[in-house]
């Protein structure tokens, strides 16, 4: 059952076409990043094991990070790859370790980073993050740089509270290296936020649906010290990815005149140009058997998706590729 809105999506003919799929054997993989034309996958159940695939998904290559994790109280560390570097992160420690993809050995510790619930790498020493250090333990965005003074900068005005400041501001934090912008997409409302590398607001944007207020219920437990959702929330934006000036959002809101069968058989990706603040088009990522897409990753040529135990690749056609433009922002 999908919430429906009186808006109309644009579905041009095949802006992204299925190209290939590869069996990963397990469903515990996540997208860690891209480097040297290869897509890197981390593994939640084996945090030090990394796999990479070429853009055509013709083959897989295995790597292993060299690090003595028993010295650190890791719970659920994740890996991200950016350029020549990889980062091993754990927000509850908190810790961010760095190494080079040439040998997969940890050789640097970004000391002083605060506790975080999400993070993205801006560069080799700078991390954008979300934490629950806001008012009443609400979500707040910030930037950490080991060599800046102060090294931690919070911006309490980026995320805007509607109900409780925690569930209503939940979302996904992204970074576009090409345009040097942080992007935050709310899960439960039709809004996203663009900030610069210092964590200052550039602009707010809206998705094409009309759910401007989070439709969630919050219950407080143990003398208002704990909170939980008291009913399933309406998810507006299930996931997102960004490359250059284009923001790709997996929407859960069905538009006017859309076929129920399509929504049963596929996940819908909406594409926005965040340099112009406009909606461009939409395309489907089809299920594999009965499995829907759980996450996706964007490069200039392709959309990769994790579905069940497999990774799939959809190749962009010219109608979409021509929209990538490294312009539109004055970098600060």
Protein backbone atom coordinates (compact mmCIF):
# COMPACT_ATOMS: atom_id res chain seq x y z
CA UNK A 1 0.00 0.00 0.00
CA UNK A 2 1.55 3.27 -1.11
CA UNK A 3 0.56 6.77 -0.05
CA UNK A 4 -0.45 8.63 -3.22
CA UNK A 5 0.05 12.29 -4.08
CA UNK A 6 -1.39 14.55 -6.80
CA UNK A 7 1.93 14.98 -8.63
CA UNK A 8 3.03 13.54 -11.95
CA UNK A 9 6.40 11.92 -12.52
CA UNK A 10 8.34 12.10 -15.78
CA UNK A 11 9.32 8.68 -17.11
CA UNK A 12 11.40 9.23 -20.27
CA UNK A 13 12.15 6.14 -22.32
CA UNK A 14 14.89 4.13 -20.58
CA UNK A 15 17.16 6.78 -19.00
CA UNK A 16 18.79 3.83 -17.20
CA UNK A 17 18.85 0.35 -18.72
CA UNK A 18 19.70 -2.96 -17.03
CA UNK A 19 23.20 -4.09 -18.01
CA UNK A 20 24.36 -6.95 -15.78
CA UNK A 21 24.11 -8.67 -12.40
CA UNK A 22 26.55 -10.56 -10.20
CA UNK A 23 25.82 -13.04 -7.41
CA UNK A 24 27.52 -12.01 -4.15
CA UNK A 25 26.29 -15.15 -2.30
CA UNK A 26 25.28 -13.10 0.76
CA UNK A 27 23.04 -10.11 1.52
CA UNK A 28 25.35 -8.53 4.12
CA UNK A 29 27.16 -6.21 1.70
CA UNK A 30 26.87 -2.43 1.49
CA UNK A 31 28.35 0.20 -0.85
CA UNK A 32 31.64 1.56 0.50
CA UNK A 33 32.60 3.83 -2.42
CA UNK A 34 34.37 4.06 -5.75
CA UNK A 35 38.04 4.36 -6.67
CA UNK A 36 40.03 3.72 -9.82
CA UNK A 37 36.94 2.72 -11.77
CA UNK A 38 35.99 0.00 -9.28
CA UNK A 39 32.98 -0.21 -6.94
CA UNK A 40 33.86 -1.20 -3.38
CA UNK A 41 31.61 -3.20 -1.08
CA UNK A 42 31.90 -3.52 2.68
CA UNK A 43 30.45 -6.41 4.67
CA UNK A 44 28.49 -5.90 7.90
CA UNK A 45 29.27 -9.41 9.18
CA UNK A 46 32.97 -9.36 8.22
CA UNK A 47 33.99 -5.69 8.63
CA UNK A 48 37.62 -6.09 7.49
CA UNK A 49 36.74 -7.96 4.30
CA UNK A 50 36.31 -5.81 1.20
CA UNK A 51 35.21 -6.76 -2.30
CA UNK A 52 35.42 -4.67 -5.45
CA UNK A 53 33.87 -5.03 -8.88
CA UNK A 54 34.58 -3.45 -12.23
CA UNK A 55 31.90 -1.14 -13.63
CA UNK A 56 30.53 -3.89 -15.86
CA UNK A 57 30.28 -6.40 -13.00
CA UNK A 58 32.38 -8.91 -14.90
CA UNK A 59 34.47 -9.99 -11.90
CA UNK A 60 35.01 -9.58 -8.15
CA UNK A 61 38.25 -8.94 -6.30
CA UNK A 62 38.74 -9.58 -2.57
CA UNK A 63 40.82 -7.48 -0.16
CA UNK A 64 41.34 -7.55 3.60
CA UNK A 65 42.12 -4.61 5.87
CA UNK A 66 45.10 -5.12 8.17
CA UNK A 67 44.08 -3.93 11.63
CA UNK A 68 43.91 -5.38 15.15
CA UNK A 69 40.29 -4.56 15.96
CA UNK A 70 40.45 -6.33 19.33
CA UNK A 71 42.28 -3.27 20.65
CA UNK A 72 39.25 -1.06 19.92
CA UNK A 73 35.71 -1.59 21.33
CA UNK A 74 34.14 -1.82 17.88
CA UNK A 75 30.48 -2.83 17.60
CA UNK A 76 29.52 -2.25 13.98
CA UNK A 77 32.43 -0.63 12.13
CA UNK A 78 31.91 0.34 8.52
CA UNK A 79 34.31 1.11 5.68
CA UNK A 80 34.23 3.95 3.17
CA UNK A 81 36.49 4.40 0.16
CA UNK A 82 37.40 7.77 -1.34
CA UNK A 83 40.17 8.31 -3.85
CA UNK A 84 43.37 6.56 -2.77
CA UNK A 85 42.16 6.23 0.83
CA UNK A 86 39.88 3.95 2.80
CA UNK A 87 38.38 4.75 6.22
CA UNK A 88 37.35 2.37 9.00
CA UNK A 89 34.72 4.08 11.17
CA UNK A 90 32.80 3.42 14.36
CA UNK A 91 30.59 6.20 15.68
CA UNK A 92 30.01 4.71 19.13
CA UNK A 93 33.74 4.52 20.02
CA UNK A 94 34.14 7.09 18.36
CA UNK A 95 36.94 6.44 15.85
CA UNK A 96 37.92 7.07 12.24
CA UNK A 97 41.01 5.26 10.96
CA UNK A 98 42.58 5.81 7.56
CA UNK A 99 44.74 3.79 5.21
CA UNK A 100 45.60 3.54 1.52
CA UNK A 101 43.87 1.21 -0.92
CA UNK A 102 47.28 0.29 -2.34
CA UNK A 103 48.01 -1.98 0.66
CA UNK A 104 44.82 -1.89 2.83
CA UNK A 105 46.81 -1.17 5.99
CA UNK A 106 45.58 1.25 8.67
CA UNK A 107 48.25 3.91 9.20
CA UNK A 108 46.45 6.96 10.58
CA UNK A 109 43.95 7.87 13.30
CA UNK A 110 41.74 10.96 12.94
CA UNK A 111 41.91 11.77 16.65
CA UNK A 112 39.30 13.87 18.41
CA UNK A 113 36.20 13.09 16.37
CA UNK A 114 33.00 13.20 18.47
CA UNK A 115 30.41 10.46 18.74
CA UNK A 116 28.40 10.15 15.54
CA UNK A 117 25.50 8.16 14.07
CA UNK A 118 26.40 8.80 10.42
CA UNK A 119 29.46 10.16 8.67
CA UNK A 120 30.85 11.00 5.24
CA UNK A 121 34.39 11.88 4.26
CA UNK A 122 34.89 15.36 2.84
CA UNK A 123 38.61 14.78 2.37
CA UNK A 124 41.41 12.78 3.99
CA UNK A 125 41.24 14.73 7.28
CA UNK A 126 37.71 16.19 7.26
CA UNK A 127 34.52 14.33 8.17
CA UNK A 128 30.92 15.45 7.90
CA UNK A 129 28.77 13.79 10.54
CA UNK A 130 25.42 13.53 12.25
CA UNK A 131 25.20 13.00 16.00
CA UNK A 132 22.55 13.10 18.73
CA UNK A 133 24.22 15.94 20.61
CA UNK A 134 21.44 18.36 19.72
CA UNK A 135 18.75 19.80 21.98
CA UNK A 136 16.99 17.02 23.96
CA UNK A 137 19.39 14.53 22.33
CA UNK A 138 18.06 15.47 18.91
CA UNK A 139 19.94 14.95 15.66
CA UNK A 140 22.47 17.60 14.67
CA UNK A 141 24.90 17.94 11.76
CA UNK A 142 28.52 18.97 12.06
CA UNK A 143 31.98 18.94 10.50
CA UNK A 144 35.19 17.63 12.07
CA UNK A 145 38.70 18.57 10.92
CA UNK A 146 41.64 17.41 13.00
CA UNK A 147 43.73 20.43 12.05
CA UNK A 148 41.12 23.18 12.42
CA UNK A 149 40.50 25.19 15.57
CA UNK A 150 37.97 24.41 16.81
CA UNK A 151 38.18 20.94 15.30
CA UNK A 152 34.45 20.29 15.75
CA UNK A 153 31.80 22.61 14.32
CA UNK A 154 28.09 21.92 14.88
CA UNK A 155 25.28 23.66 13.02
CA UNK A 156 22.07 23.31 15.01
CA UNK A 157 20.06 25.20 12.39
CA UNK A 158 20.46 22.74 9.52
CA UNK A 159 18.04 20.06 10.77
CA UNK A 160 14.63 21.49 11.62
CA UNK A 161 12.54 19.86 14.33
CA UNK A 162 8.85 19.19 13.66
CA UNK A 163 7.91 16.71 16.41
CA UNK A 164 10.71 15.33 18.59
CA UNK A 165 13.97 16.26 16.85
CA UNK A 166 15.05 12.62 16.58
CA UNK A 167 12.69 10.50 14.50
CA UNK A 168 11.30 13.46 12.56
CA UNK A 169 14.80 14.59 11.52
CA UNK A 170 16.05 11.11 10.62
CA UNK A 171 17.54 10.79 7.16
CA UNK A 172 20.67 10.00 5.17
CA UNK A 173 23.86 12.07 5.01
CA UNK A 174 25.70 12.20 1.66
CA UNK A 175 28.63 14.04 0.11
CA UNK A 176 29.22 15.12 -3.49
CA UNK A 177 32.95 15.37 -4.01
CA UNK A 178 32.56 16.97 -7.46
CA UNK A 179 30.70 20.03 -6.18
CA UNK A 180 32.02 19.84 -2.60
CA UNK A 181 28.62 19.79 -0.95
CA UNK A 182 27.09 17.93 1.97
CA UNK A 183 23.56 16.68 1.30
CA UNK A 184 21.03 15.49 3.88
CA UNK A 185 17.78 13.85 2.76
CA UNK A 186 14.96 13.43 5.29
CA UNK A 187 13.24 10.03 5.43
CA UNK A 188 9.80 11.26 6.50
CA UNK A 189 9.27 14.57 4.72
CA UNK A 190 9.75 16.02 1.25
CA UNK A 191 12.92 17.98 1.95
CA UNK A 192 16.66 17.84 1.52
CA UNK A 193 19.43 20.16 2.71
CA UNK A 194 22.57 21.34 0.91
CA UNK A 195 25.53 22.59 2.99
CA UNK A 196 29.11 23.55 2.19
CA UNK A 197 32.28 21.92 3.51
CA UNK A 198 32.13 24.07 6.65
CA UNK A 199 28.59 22.90 7.44
CA UNK A 200 26.93 26.19 6.48
CA UNK A 201 23.56 26.11 4.74
CA UNK A 202 23.60 26.64 0.98
CA UNK A 203 19.92 25.94 0.32
CA UNK A 204 16.96 23.74 1.11
CA UNK A 205 15.16 21.80 -1.57
CA UNK A 206 11.97 19.79 -1.86
CA UNK A 207 11.08 16.51 -3.47
CA UNK A 208 8.11 16.44 -5.84
CA UNK A 209 5.64 14.87 -3.39
CA UNK A 210 3.64 17.01 -0.97
CA UNK A 211 4.45 15.37 2.40
CA UNK A 212 5.91 18.46 4.06
CA UNK A 213 5.38 17.26 7.65
CA UNK A 214 6.59 13.94 9.04
CA UNK A 215 3.68 11.55 9.64
CA UNK A 216 5.03 9.77 12.70
CA UNK A 217 3.86 9.10 16.24
CA UNK A 218 6.29 9.24 19.16
CA UNK A 219 5.84 7.64 22.58
CA UNK A 220 8.03 8.50 25.57
CA UNK A 221 9.16 5.81 28.02
CA UNK A 222 10.88 5.68 31.43
CA UNK A 223 10.05 9.17 32.56
CA UNK A 224 10.55 10.76 29.13
CA UNK A 225 14.16 9.51 28.98
CA UNK A 226 13.52 7.09 26.12
CA UNK A 227 11.36 7.45 23.04
CA UNK A 228 9.99 5.12 20.40
CA UNK A 229 7.64 5.25 17.43
CA UNK A 230 4.14 4.14 18.41
CA UNK A 231 3.02 3.37 14.84
CA UNK A 232 4.69 2.57 11.50
CA UNK A 233 5.83 5.86 9.92
CA UNK A 234 5.07 7.05 6.41
CA UNK A 235 8.41 6.76 4.61
CA UNK A 236 8.79 9.42 1.94
CA UNK A 237 12.43 8.96 0.89
CA UNK A 238 13.74 5.45 1.58
CA UNK A 239 17.31 6.02 0.37
CA UNK A 240 19.43 8.41 -1.65
CA UNK A 241 22.73 8.82 -3.49
CA UNK A 242 24.49 11.80 -5.04
CA UNK A 243 27.01 12.26 -7.83
CA UNK A 244 28.17 15.66 -9.11
CA UNK A 245 25.10 17.93 -9.26
CA UNK A 246 22.51 15.15 -9.44
CA UNK A 247 20.67 13.80 -6.41
CA UNK A 248 18.98 10.40 -6.79
CA UNK A 249 16.22 9.55 -4.30
CA UNK A 250 14.42 6.25 -3.83
CA UNK A 251 10.87 7.49 -3.28
CA UNK A 252 8.11 5.59 -1.52
CA UNK A 253 5.33 7.99 -2.58
CA UNK A 254 3.32 7.00 -5.65
CA UNK A 255 2.40 9.76 -8.07
CA UNK A 256 -0.77 10.40 -10.01
CA UNK A 257 -1.60 8.00 -12.89
CA UNK A 258 1.15 5.58 -11.86
CA UNK A 259 0.64 1.85 -12.35
CA UNK A 260 0.34 -0.23 -9.16
CA UNK A 261 2.03 -3.10 -10.97
CA UNK A 262 5.15 -1.01 -11.60
CA UNK A 263 5.40 -0.17 -7.89
CA UNK A 264 5.05 -3.85 -7.00
CA UNK A 265 7.76 -4.89 -9.47
CA UNK A 266 10.29 -2.08 -9.01
CA UNK A 267 11.78 0.65 -6.83
CA UNK A 268 11.38 4.18 -8.22
CA UNK A 269 14.34 6.56 -8.37
CA UNK A 270 13.68 10.30 -8.74
CA UNK A 271 16.48 12.48 -10.12
CA UNK A 272 17.05 16.11 -9.07
CA UNK A 273 19.55 18.72 -10.24
CA UNK A 274 20.57 20.33 -6.95
CA UNK A 275 22.52 23.08 -8.71
CA UNK A 276 19.26 24.32 -10.28
CA UNK A 277 16.94 23.01 -7.55
CA UNK A 278 14.71 21.18 -10.06
CA UNK A 279 13.25 17.71 -10.58
CA UNK A 280 14.40 16.07 -13.81
CA UNK A 281 13.03 12.56 -14.28
CA UNK A 282 12.41 9.14 -12.76
CA UNK A 283 13.31 5.55 -13.59
CA UNK A 284 12.66 2.09 -12.10
CA UNK A 285 15.10 -0.46 -10.65
CA UNK A 286 13.33 -3.80 -11.04
CA UNK A 287 13.10 -6.51 -8.38
CA UNK A 288 15.11 -9.70 -8.64
CA UNK A 289 12.64 -12.50 -7.99
CA UNK A 290 10.74 -11.22 -4.95
CA UNK A 291 13.56 -9.03 -3.65
CA UNK A 292 13.40 -5.25 -3.81
CA UNK A 293 16.40 -2.94 -3.95
CA UNK A 294 17.78 -2.20 -0.48
CA UNK A 295 20.49 0.34 -1.44
CA UNK A 296 22.08 1.91 -4.50
CA UNK A 297 25.19 3.80 -5.61
CA UNK A 298 25.73 6.27 -8.45
CA UNK A 299 28.68 6.91 -10.76
CA UNK A 300 28.79 9.12 -13.84
CA UNK A 301 27.96 6.17 -16.10
CA UNK A 302 25.93 3.79 -13.96
CA UNK A 303 23.50 3.08 -11.16
CA UNK A 304 24.47 0.07 -9.02
CA UNK A 305 21.95 -1.59 -6.71
CA UNK A 306 22.06 -4.30 -4.06
CA UNK A 307 19.08 -6.63 -4.39
CA UNK A 308 18.86 -9.86 -2.41
CA UNK A 309 22.25 -11.58 -2.69
CA UNK A 310 23.13 -9.78 -5.93
CA UNK A 311 24.57 -6.53 -7.20
CA UNK A 312 23.10 -5.17 -10.45
CA UNK A 313 24.17 -2.36 -12.76
CA UNK A 314 21.95 -0.07 -14.85
CA UNK A 315 23.74 1.96 -17.51
CA UNK A 316 22.74 5.59 -17.98
CA UNK A 317 21.58 6.73 -21.40
CA UNK A 318 22.40 10.14 -22.88
CA UNK A 319 19.12 11.71 -21.73
CA UNK A 320 20.36 11.35 -18.15
CA UNK A 321 24.14 11.53 -18.61
CA UNK A 322 23.93 14.95 -20.22
CA UNK A 323 22.49 16.37 -16.99
CA UNK A 324 25.74 15.82 -15.08
CA UNK A 325 27.44 19.22 -14.92
CA UNK A 326 30.17 20.25 -12.53
CA UNK A 327 28.86 23.77 -12.13
CA UNK A 328 26.20 25.81 -10.43
CA UNK A 329 27.82 26.48 -7.04
CA UNK A 330 30.36 29.01 -5.93
CA UNK A 331 32.63 26.96 -3.66
CA UNK A 332 33.31 28.42 -0.22
